Protein backbone atom coordinates (compact mmCIF):
# COMPACT_ATOMS: atom_id res chain seq x y z
CA MET A 1 87.93 76.03 40.20
CA SER A 2 91.07 74.01 40.16
CA LYS A 3 89.02 70.83 40.32
CA GLU A 4 86.97 71.97 37.35
CA GLY A 5 90.09 73.00 35.47
CA GLY A 6 91.65 69.61 36.18
CA GLU A 7 88.51 67.84 35.05
CA ARG A 8 88.38 69.93 31.88
CA ARG A 9 92.00 69.10 31.14
CA GLN A 10 91.34 65.44 31.80
CA ILE A 11 88.28 65.48 29.50
CA PHE A 12 90.25 67.42 26.89
CA THR A 13 93.22 65.03 27.05
CA SER A 14 90.94 61.99 26.94
CA ALA A 15 89.17 63.47 23.89
CA VAL A 16 92.55 64.12 22.24
CA PHE A 17 93.63 60.61 23.18
CA GLU A 18 90.45 59.15 21.63
CA ASN A 19 91.00 61.20 18.48
CA ILE A 20 94.57 59.93 18.28
CA GLN A 21 93.34 56.36 18.75
CA LYS A 22 90.76 56.81 15.98
CA ASP A 23 93.39 58.30 13.69
CA LEU A 24 95.73 55.44 14.51
CA GLN A 25 93.03 52.87 13.79
CA CYS A 26 92.23 54.54 10.47
CA ALA A 27 95.91 54.63 9.58
CA LEU A 28 96.30 50.94 10.49
CA GLN A 29 93.25 50.07 8.42
CA ASN A 30 94.61 52.05 5.48
CA LEU A 31 97.95 50.32 5.90
CA SER A 32 96.34 46.87 5.89
CA ASN A 33 94.31 47.83 2.80
CA GLU A 34 97.47 48.97 1.04
CA ARG A 35 99.23 45.74 2.00
CA LEU A 36 96.36 43.72 0.57
CA LYS A 37 96.47 45.75 -2.63
CA THR A 38 100.22 45.27 -2.99
CA GLU A 39 99.88 41.55 -2.28
CA LYS A 40 97.19 41.26 -4.97
CA LEU A 41 99.32 43.21 -7.43
CA GLN A 42 102.33 41.05 -6.57
CA LYS A 43 100.29 37.91 -7.20
CA LYS A 44 99.12 39.29 -10.55
CA LEU A 45 102.70 40.16 -11.41
CA ASP A 46 103.87 36.66 -10.50
CA VAL A 47 101.14 35.07 -12.62
CA SER A 48 101.98 37.34 -15.55
CA GLU A 49 105.69 36.58 -15.22
CA ASN A 50 104.93 32.85 -15.18
CA MET A 51 102.82 33.24 -18.31
CA VAL A 52 105.59 35.14 -20.06
CA SER A 53 108.20 32.55 -19.10
CA ALA A 54 105.92 29.76 -20.32
CA GLN A 55 105.40 31.60 -23.60
CA ARG A 56 109.14 32.13 -23.96
CA LYS A 57 109.75 28.42 -23.45
CA GLU A 58 107.06 27.61 -25.98
CA ILE A 59 108.55 30.01 -28.52
CA LEU A 60 112.03 28.57 -27.98
CA MET A 61 110.65 25.07 -28.40
CA LEU A 62 108.89 26.06 -31.63
CA GLN A 63 112.05 27.75 -32.90
CA HIS A 64 114.06 24.62 -32.18
CA GLN A 65 111.45 22.53 -33.96
CA LEU A 66 111.64 24.79 -36.97
CA ALA A 67 115.42 24.72 -36.95
CA SER A 68 115.59 20.94 -36.63
CA ASP A 69 112.90 20.21 -39.20
CA CYS A 70 114.83 19.08 -42.28
CA SER A 71 111.81 19.22 -44.54
CA ILE A 72 111.54 22.99 -44.29
CA PRO A 73 112.94 24.54 -47.44
CA GLN A 74 115.02 27.67 -47.22
CA SER A 75 113.71 30.97 -48.54
CA GLY A 76 115.29 30.49 -51.98
CA LYS A 77 113.80 27.05 -52.24
CA LEU A 78 110.40 28.42 -51.26
CA LYS A 79 110.42 30.81 -54.18
CA GLY A 80 111.52 28.02 -56.51
CA VAL A 81 108.71 25.75 -55.38
CA LYS A 82 106.11 28.49 -55.84
CA ASP A 83 107.31 29.17 -59.37
CA MET A 84 107.28 25.50 -60.37
CA LYS A 85 104.66 24.48 -62.86
CA PRO A 86 103.59 20.95 -63.58
CA ARG A 87 105.42 19.38 -66.49
CA SER A 88 103.48 17.90 -69.31
CA SER A 89 105.77 15.01 -70.07
CA ILE A 90 104.23 11.78 -71.22
CA ASP A 91 106.12 9.58 -68.75
CA GLU A 92 105.05 11.10 -65.37
CA PRO A 93 102.34 13.71 -65.85
CA ASP A 94 100.27 12.93 -62.74
CA ILE A 95 103.13 12.36 -60.29
CA ASP A 96 104.78 15.71 -60.88
CA SER A 97 101.60 17.74 -60.65
CA VAL A 98 100.60 15.96 -57.42
CA GLU A 99 104.04 16.53 -55.91
CA VAL A 100 104.00 20.17 -56.90
CA LYS A 101 100.56 20.65 -55.35
CA LYS A 102 101.74 18.99 -52.14
CA LEU A 103 104.81 21.16 -52.04
CA LEU A 104 102.76 24.30 -52.64
CA LYS A 105 100.39 23.36 -49.81
CA ARG A 106 103.38 22.70 -47.57
CA VAL A 107 104.85 26.12 -48.46
CA GLU A 108 101.56 27.85 -47.67
CA TYR A 109 101.32 25.99 -44.37
CA LEU A 110 104.86 26.97 -43.41
CA GLU A 111 104.28 30.60 -44.34
CA LYS A 112 101.15 30.67 -42.20
CA GLN A 113 103.05 29.08 -39.33
CA ASN A 114 105.80 31.68 -39.73
CA GLU A 115 103.24 34.50 -39.58
CA ASP A 116 101.67 32.95 -36.48
CA MET A 117 105.04 32.74 -34.76
CA THR A 118 105.92 36.35 -35.55
CA SER A 119 102.55 37.48 -34.18
CA CYS A 120 103.24 35.42 -31.03
CA ILE A 121 106.60 37.13 -30.63
CA ARG A 122 104.95 40.54 -31.00
CA LYS A 123 102.36 39.64 -28.38
CA GLN A 124 105.07 38.36 -26.08
CA ASN A 125 106.99 41.63 -26.43
CA LYS A 126 103.82 43.56 -25.59
CA LEU A 127 103.31 41.40 -22.50
CA ILE A 128 106.89 42.02 -21.43
CA ASP A 129 106.34 45.77 -21.76
CA ILE A 130 103.14 45.53 -19.72
CA LEU A 131 104.91 43.55 -17.02
CA LYS A 132 107.68 46.12 -16.86
CA ARG A 133 105.09 48.87 -16.43
CA GLN A 134 103.33 46.89 -13.69
CA LYS A 135 106.61 46.37 -11.89
CA ILE A 136 107.34 50.10 -12.02
CA LEU A 137 103.83 50.85 -10.74
CA LEU A 138 104.25 48.41 -7.85
CA GLU A 139 107.55 49.97 -6.88
CA SER A 140 106.16 53.48 -7.09
CA ALA A 141 103.06 52.48 -5.09
CA SER A 142 105.22 51.20 -2.26
CA LEU A 143 107.31 54.38 -2.33
CA LEU A 144 104.17 56.49 -2.40
CA SER A 145 102.74 54.69 0.62
CA ILE A 146 105.97 55.37 2.52
CA HIS A 147 105.81 59.06 1.67
CA GLU A 148 102.13 59.12 2.58
CA LYS A 149 102.88 57.69 6.03
CA GLU A 150 105.58 60.26 6.64
CA PHE A 151 103.19 63.02 5.55
CA GLU A 152 100.51 61.76 7.94
CA LYS A 153 103.01 61.72 10.80
CA PHE A 154 104.00 65.28 9.93
CA LEU A 155 100.35 66.38 9.96
CA GLU A 156 99.83 64.73 13.34
CA LEU A 157 102.84 66.56 14.74
CA GLU A 158 101.53 69.85 13.36
CA LYS A 159 98.21 69.39 15.21
CA TYR A 160 99.99 69.62 18.55
């Protein structure tokens, strides 16, 4: 009987040992999967941050171009140019109307460019918000995986 009891214990312990090994392999596989996921998310975050920094540089460059462009009239001048009407003087009738038309086209172009830049800034702010959310999610995912590991260890201890 003692031989049979010893064999049963040995079979039981080997079965428990195999179960522990399987659990360990599953846990290691889950860990490697989580690492891959976090690496992918980190890469996406890096790419997004690079895009945002490039967009910031582009916006700064465009702002500097706008600030340094001497031909851009100020807001008061814009209104004055829009309200201008061609003069009907006998000396220079064609020159004034052509200049006014050019100035009006330039004003419309600058207004469109201004609208485009403000929409770019809005999009950039949205991207920044998205990146902040992604960063928070990455941090919480790593914390969650740590808590998950501790919980699995606790469950393993409870089995015995």
